[in-house]
Amino acid sequence: MKLLAVETATSWQSVAILEDDRVLARYDQDAAGLHGKLLLPAIDQLFTQTGLRLRDLDGLACSIGPGSFTGIRVGVATCLGLRAATDLPLALVPTLEAMAWNAQSAALPVCPVLTSRKGEVYWAIFRWTHDGRLERVLAEHAGAPQALARSLTEETMLFGEGWSVMESEIRSALAPSFSISVGPEAATRPSAVAVGMLGRQRLQHGEIAGAQVSPLYVQRAEAELKYEQSGGVSPVARRQERVAKKAAERLARGRRGKSQPVRTRKFNG
């Protein structure tokens, strides 16, 4: 099966053409927010290198996030356009799962980490089974490094841009005795090759994207954000504090009113 794979969920853009388990051509570059300008020329370069044309392919695979909203939209829109022009089947691959694929046969659970909004990260946890399957242990999450640390229940391999940026924050949120293994350098950046490998598996199992395609945007629950903004006070506790404060203010006003002396007016008769 010949497959075009596209990875644009981060600033590191990656495209590849694969035939079964063999990489025919790949091109990786730092797109730095210029995916819309650089993606199609990169794909065209692959076809030039291989001498293939779109009609020679058997399918498409695209990373769907989480990650950069703009990058994901560009990658998905491009693959949808190619699908519309060729009627090729399209497989959608979660970005963190493709990153976990790069840490093949790891004995420990693997936790790929990407940067999210300021001071936050995306992460998920996977495990390689004895029969060589990649099993999802924890679905994609977004949150503070401390939330990631709380989700780790055993020694885990961490890697990715988010780990590189937030390593000190994650480690400081863990118990001193908790063990962490750092993943291989080759797994740090998302790769179109991994997207293609997983995409081929999905297509072979009939997991083909339908008419409605949505990127995988992982957002924190609004309740969780408000909870953290309040300093870790629950909504019930906040309401109780407001009621108690108002009652105290009314009581104080009542006491001030009682303590005021009664004024008398003298009449001259």
Protein backbone atom coordinates (compact mmCIF):
# COMPACT_ATOMS: atom_id res chain seq x y z
CA MET A 1 0.00 0.00 0.00
CA LYS A 2 1.41 3.38 -1.05
CA LEU A 3 0.44 6.14 1.35
CA LEU A 4 0.98 9.88 1.72
CA ALA A 5 1.27 10.89 5.38
CA VAL A 6 1.03 14.44 6.74
CA GLU A 7 1.97 15.73 10.21
CA THR A 8 1.35 19.43 10.96
CA ALA A 9 0.17 19.45 14.58
CA THR A 10 3.27 21.30 15.78
CA SER A 11 5.71 23.80 14.31
CA TRP A 12 7.76 20.81 13.10
CA GLN A 13 6.11 19.88 9.80
CA SER A 14 6.67 16.35 8.49
CA VAL A 15 5.47 14.64 5.29
CA ALA A 16 6.30 11.21 3.91
CA ILE A 17 5.37 8.69 1.24
CA LEU A 18 5.45 5.06 2.37
CA GLU A 19 4.97 1.74 0.64
CA ASP A 20 3.93 -0.75 3.31
CA ASP A 21 6.74 -0.58 5.93
CA ARG A 22 9.22 1.12 3.60
CA VAL A 23 9.76 4.90 3.51
CA LEU A 24 10.05 6.00 -0.11
CA ALA A 25 10.62 9.67 0.72
CA ARG A 26 10.22 12.06 3.62
CA TYR A 27 10.71 15.76 4.24
CA ASP A 28 10.80 17.42 7.66
CA GLN A 29 11.17 21.13 8.38
CA ASP A 30 10.46 23.82 10.95
CA ALA A 31 7.31 25.44 9.56
CA ALA A 32 7.09 28.00 12.40
CA GLY A 33 3.44 28.83 11.72
CA LEU A 34 3.87 28.78 7.92
CA HIS A 35 2.19 25.42 7.27
CA GLY A 36 -0.24 27.00 4.83
CA LYS A 37 2.68 28.23 2.71
CA LEU A 38 5.06 25.28 3.05
CA LEU A 39 2.92 22.13 3.12
CA LEU A 40 1.96 21.77 -0.55
CA PRO A 41 5.50 22.50 -1.83
CA ALA A 42 6.82 19.86 0.59
CA ILE A 43 4.31 17.29 -0.71
CA ASP A 44 5.18 18.19 -4.30
CA GLN A 45 8.85 17.62 -3.48
CA LEU A 46 8.05 14.07 -2.36
CA PHE A 47 6.32 13.28 -5.62
CA THR A 48 9.31 14.69 -7.53
CA GLN A 49 11.74 12.51 -5.55
CA THR A 50 9.72 9.31 -5.98
CA GLY A 51 8.41 9.90 -9.50
CA LEU A 52 4.93 9.06 -8.22
CA ARG A 53 1.67 10.88 -8.83
CA LEU A 54 -1.43 11.18 -6.70
CA ARG A 55 -3.20 8.52 -8.74
CA ASP A 56 -0.42 6.06 -7.82
CA LEU A 57 -1.32 6.22 -4.13
CA ASP A 58 -3.63 3.86 -2.27
CA GLY A 59 -4.48 6.16 0.64
CA LEU A 60 -3.82 9.21 2.79
CA ALA A 61 -3.00 9.60 6.49
CA CYS A 62 -3.17 12.79 8.51
CA SER A 63 -2.35 13.75 12.08
CA ILE A 64 -5.39 15.31 13.80
CA GLY A 65 -3.94 16.69 17.02
CA PRO A 66 -3.91 17.81 19.70
CA GLY A 67 -1.49 20.59 18.92
CA SER A 68 -1.40 23.85 17.01
CA PHE A 69 -4.92 24.78 15.92
CA THR A 70 -3.66 26.46 12.75
CA GLY A 71 -1.26 23.68 11.84
CA ILE A 72 -3.86 20.96 12.35
CA ARG A 73 -6.44 22.81 10.25
CA VAL A 74 -3.96 23.25 7.40
CA GLY A 75 -2.98 19.57 7.41
CA VAL A 76 -6.55 18.29 7.62
CA ALA A 77 -7.84 20.72 4.98
CA THR A 78 -5.04 19.75 2.61
CA CYS A 79 -5.74 16.02 2.99
CA LEU A 80 -9.47 16.60 2.56
CA GLY A 81 -8.73 18.48 -0.66
CA LEU A 82 -6.55 15.64 -1.94
CA ARG A 83 -9.24 13.15 -0.99
CA ALA A 84 -11.88 15.14 -2.85
CA ALA A 85 -9.68 15.25 -5.96
CA THR A 86 -8.75 11.56 -5.93
CA ASP A 87 -11.37 9.74 -3.85
CA LEU A 88 -8.54 8.11 -1.89
CA PRO A 89 -9.40 6.73 1.58
CA LEU A 90 -8.20 8.90 4.46
CA ALA A 91 -7.04 7.72 7.89
CA LEU A 92 -6.91 10.11 10.86
CA VAL A 93 -4.19 9.54 13.46
CA PRO A 94 -3.98 11.24 16.89
CA THR A 95 -0.68 13.09 17.20
CA LEU A 96 0.26 11.77 20.64
CA GLU A 97 -0.40 8.20 19.52
CA ALA A 98 1.93 8.70 16.55
CA MET A 99 4.60 10.04 18.93
CA ALA A 100 4.18 6.97 21.14
CA TRP A 101 4.75 4.83 18.04
CA ASN A 102 8.26 6.30 17.87
CA ALA A 103 9.06 4.65 21.23
CA GLN A 104 8.42 1.14 19.94
CA SER A 105 8.77 -1.85 22.24
CA ALA A 106 9.38 0.31 25.33
CA ALA A 107 9.09 -1.78 28.47
CA LEU A 108 7.57 1.10 30.44
CA PRO A 109 4.35 3.01 29.77
CA VAL A 110 5.10 5.92 27.42
CA CYS A 111 3.81 9.46 27.87
CA PRO A 112 4.35 11.82 24.91
CA VAL A 113 3.97 15.48 25.91
CA LEU A 114 3.34 18.56 23.76
CA THR A 115 3.11 22.21 24.78
CA SER A 116 -0.38 23.69 24.94
CA ARG A 117 -1.43 27.16 26.04
CA LYS A 118 0.99 29.14 28.19
CA GLY A 119 2.19 27.05 31.10
CA GLU A 120 0.18 23.97 30.08
CA VAL A 121 0.74 20.74 28.18
CA TYR A 122 -1.05 18.01 26.23
CA TRP A 123 -0.34 14.41 27.17
CA ALA A 124 -1.59 10.85 26.94
CA ILE A 125 -0.25 7.51 28.19
CA PHE A 126 0.25 4.36 26.11
CA ARG A 127 1.68 0.91 26.70
CA TRP A 128 3.27 -1.60 24.31
CA THR A 129 1.75 -5.05 24.78
CA HIS A 130 3.67 -8.32 24.62
CA ASP A 131 2.25 -9.02 21.16
CA GLY A 132 3.51 -5.67 19.79
CA ARG A 133 0.30 -3.64 19.96
CA LEU A 134 0.15 -0.04 21.15
CA GLU A 135 -2.49 0.16 23.88
CA ARG A 136 -3.97 3.45 25.12
CA VAL A 137 -3.86 3.71 28.91
CA LEU A 138 -4.94 7.34 29.35
CA ALA A 139 -6.74 9.43 26.74
CA GLU A 140 -5.51 12.85 25.60
CA HIS A 141 -5.56 15.50 28.32
CA ALA A 142 -4.65 19.18 28.57
CA GLY A 143 -3.63 20.94 31.74
CA ALA A 144 -0.91 22.15 34.05
CA PRO A 145 2.28 20.11 34.54
CA GLN A 146 1.05 19.30 38.05
CA ALA A 147 -2.05 17.62 36.55
CA LEU A 148 0.18 15.50 34.32
CA ALA A 149 2.24 14.49 37.35
CA ARG A 150 -0.91 13.42 39.21
CA SER A 151 -1.89 11.14 36.31
CA LEU A 152 1.31 9.09 36.57
CA THR A 153 0.79 5.99 38.70
CA GLU A 154 3.96 4.03 37.91
CA GLU A 155 7.40 4.53 36.42
CA THR A 156 6.83 6.05 32.97
CA MET A 157 8.84 7.15 29.96
CA LEU A 158 8.23 10.82 29.11
CA PHE A 159 9.34 12.68 25.99
CA GLY A 160 8.32 15.41 23.56
CA GLU A 161 8.59 19.17 23.36
CA GLY A 162 6.26 19.60 26.33
CA TRP A 163 8.51 17.44 28.48
CA SER A 164 11.60 19.37 27.40
CA VAL A 165 9.96 22.69 28.29
CA MET A 166 8.17 21.63 31.48
CA GLU A 167 10.51 18.99 32.89
CA SER A 168 11.35 20.90 36.09
CA GLU A 169 7.67 21.67 36.82
CA ILE A 170 6.63 18.06 36.26
CA ARG A 171 9.45 16.64 38.38
CA SER A 172 8.79 19.07 41.24
CA ALA A 173 5.15 17.91 41.36
CA LEU A 174 6.19 14.25 41.79
CA ALA A 175 7.27 12.50 44.97
CA PRO A 176 11.08 12.39 45.28
CA SER A 177 10.97 8.59 45.10
CA PHE A 178 8.94 8.50 41.85
CA SER A 179 10.98 7.21 38.90
CA ILE A 180 10.86 8.75 35.42
CA SER A 181 12.60 7.52 32.29
CA VAL A 182 13.35 9.96 29.47
CA GLY A 183 12.42 8.78 25.98
CA PRO A 184 14.74 8.63 22.95
CA GLU A 185 15.65 11.84 21.15
CA ALA A 186 14.17 10.43 17.92
CA ALA A 187 10.73 10.35 19.57
CA THR A 188 10.74 14.01 20.61
CA ARG A 189 9.19 15.39 17.42
CA PRO A 190 6.03 14.10 15.72
CA SER A 191 6.82 12.22 12.51
CA ALA A 192 4.84 11.65 9.32
CA VAL A 193 6.42 8.19 9.12
CA ALA A 194 4.70 7.16 12.36
CA VAL A 195 1.46 8.77 11.13
CA GLY A 196 1.78 6.73 7.95
CA MET A 197 2.45 3.44 9.77
CA LEU A 198 -0.55 3.88 12.04
CA GLY A 199 -2.65 5.22 9.18
CA ARG A 200 -1.95 2.11 7.11
CA GLN A 201 -3.10 -0.09 10.00
CA ARG A 202 -6.32 1.89 10.27
CA LEU A 203 -7.05 1.68 6.56
CA GLN A 204 -6.40 -2.07 6.56
CA HIS A 205 -8.92 -2.42 9.39
CA GLY A 206 -11.49 -0.32 7.55
CA GLU A 207 -11.08 2.74 9.81
CA ILE A 208 -11.66 5.31 7.07
CA ALA A 209 -12.58 8.93 7.79
CA GLY A 210 -16.15 9.78 6.91
CA ALA A 211 -17.64 12.90 5.41
CA GLN A 212 -17.49 14.84 8.69
CA VAL A 213 -13.89 15.29 9.84
CA SER A 214 -12.98 17.20 12.99
CA PRO A 215 -9.51 17.85 14.41
CA LEU A 216 -8.83 16.49 17.89
CA TYR A 217 -8.92 19.63 20.01
CA VAL A 218 -8.38 18.80 23.68
CA GLN A 219 -9.64 21.59 25.91
CA ARG A 220 -9.75 21.77 29.65
CA ALA A 221 -13.18 21.79 31.24
CA GLU A 222 -14.41 25.28 32.16
CA ALA A 223 -15.17 24.07 35.68
CA GLU A 224 -11.57 22.95 36.12
CA LEU A 225 -10.23 26.32 34.94
CA LYS A 226 -12.52 28.22 37.33
CA TYR A 227 -11.55 25.89 40.15
CA GLU A 228 -7.85 26.63 39.64
CA GLN A 229 -8.46 30.35 39.19
CA SER A 230 -10.24 30.39 42.56
CA GLY A 231 -7.15 28.96 44.24
CA GLY A 232 -8.55 25.45 44.53
CA VAL A 233 -11.87 26.40 46.17
CA SER A 234 -14.93 24.49 45.03
CA PRO A 235 -18.05 26.32 43.69
CA VAL A 236 -20.02 25.23 46.80
CA ALA A 237 -17.36 26.60 49.11
CA ARG A 238 -17.28 29.88 47.15
CA ARG A 239 -21.06 30.26 47.54
CA GLN A 240 -20.81 29.54 51.25
CA GLU A 241 -18.08 32.17 51.59
CA ARG A 242 -20.23 34.76 49.77
CA VAL A 243 -23.28 34.02 51.97
CA ALA A 244 -21.20 34.18 55.14
CA LYS A 245 -19.61 37.46 54.04
CA LYS A 246 -22.98 39.08 53.30
CA ALA A 247 -24.41 37.88 56.62
CA ALA A 248 -21.42 39.31 58.47
CA GLU A 249 -21.83 42.66 56.68
CA ARG A 250 -25.54 42.86 57.59
CA LEU A 251 -24.77 41.96 61.20
CA ALA A 252 -22.06 44.62 61.37
CA ARG A 253 -24.43 47.28 59.98
CA GLY A 254 -27.04 46.30 62.55
CA ARG A 255 -24.60 46.63 65.42
CA ARG A 256 -23.44 50.04 64.26
CA GLY A 257 -27.05 51.20 64.14
CA LYS A 258 -27.74 50.10 67.74
CA SER A 259 -24.61 51.71 69.13
CA GLN A 260 -25.47 55.21 67.85
CA PRO A 261 -26.67 57.55 70.68
CA VAL A 262 -30.26 58.87 70.61
CA ARG A 263 -30.28 62.57 69.87
CA THR A 264 -32.90 64.86 71.58
CA ARG A 265 -34.00 68.30 70.46
CA LYS A 266 -34.66 71.10 72.95
CA PHE A 267 -37.64 73.42 72.44
CA ASN A 268 -37.82 76.94 73.88
CA GLY A 269 -41.26 77.55 75.17
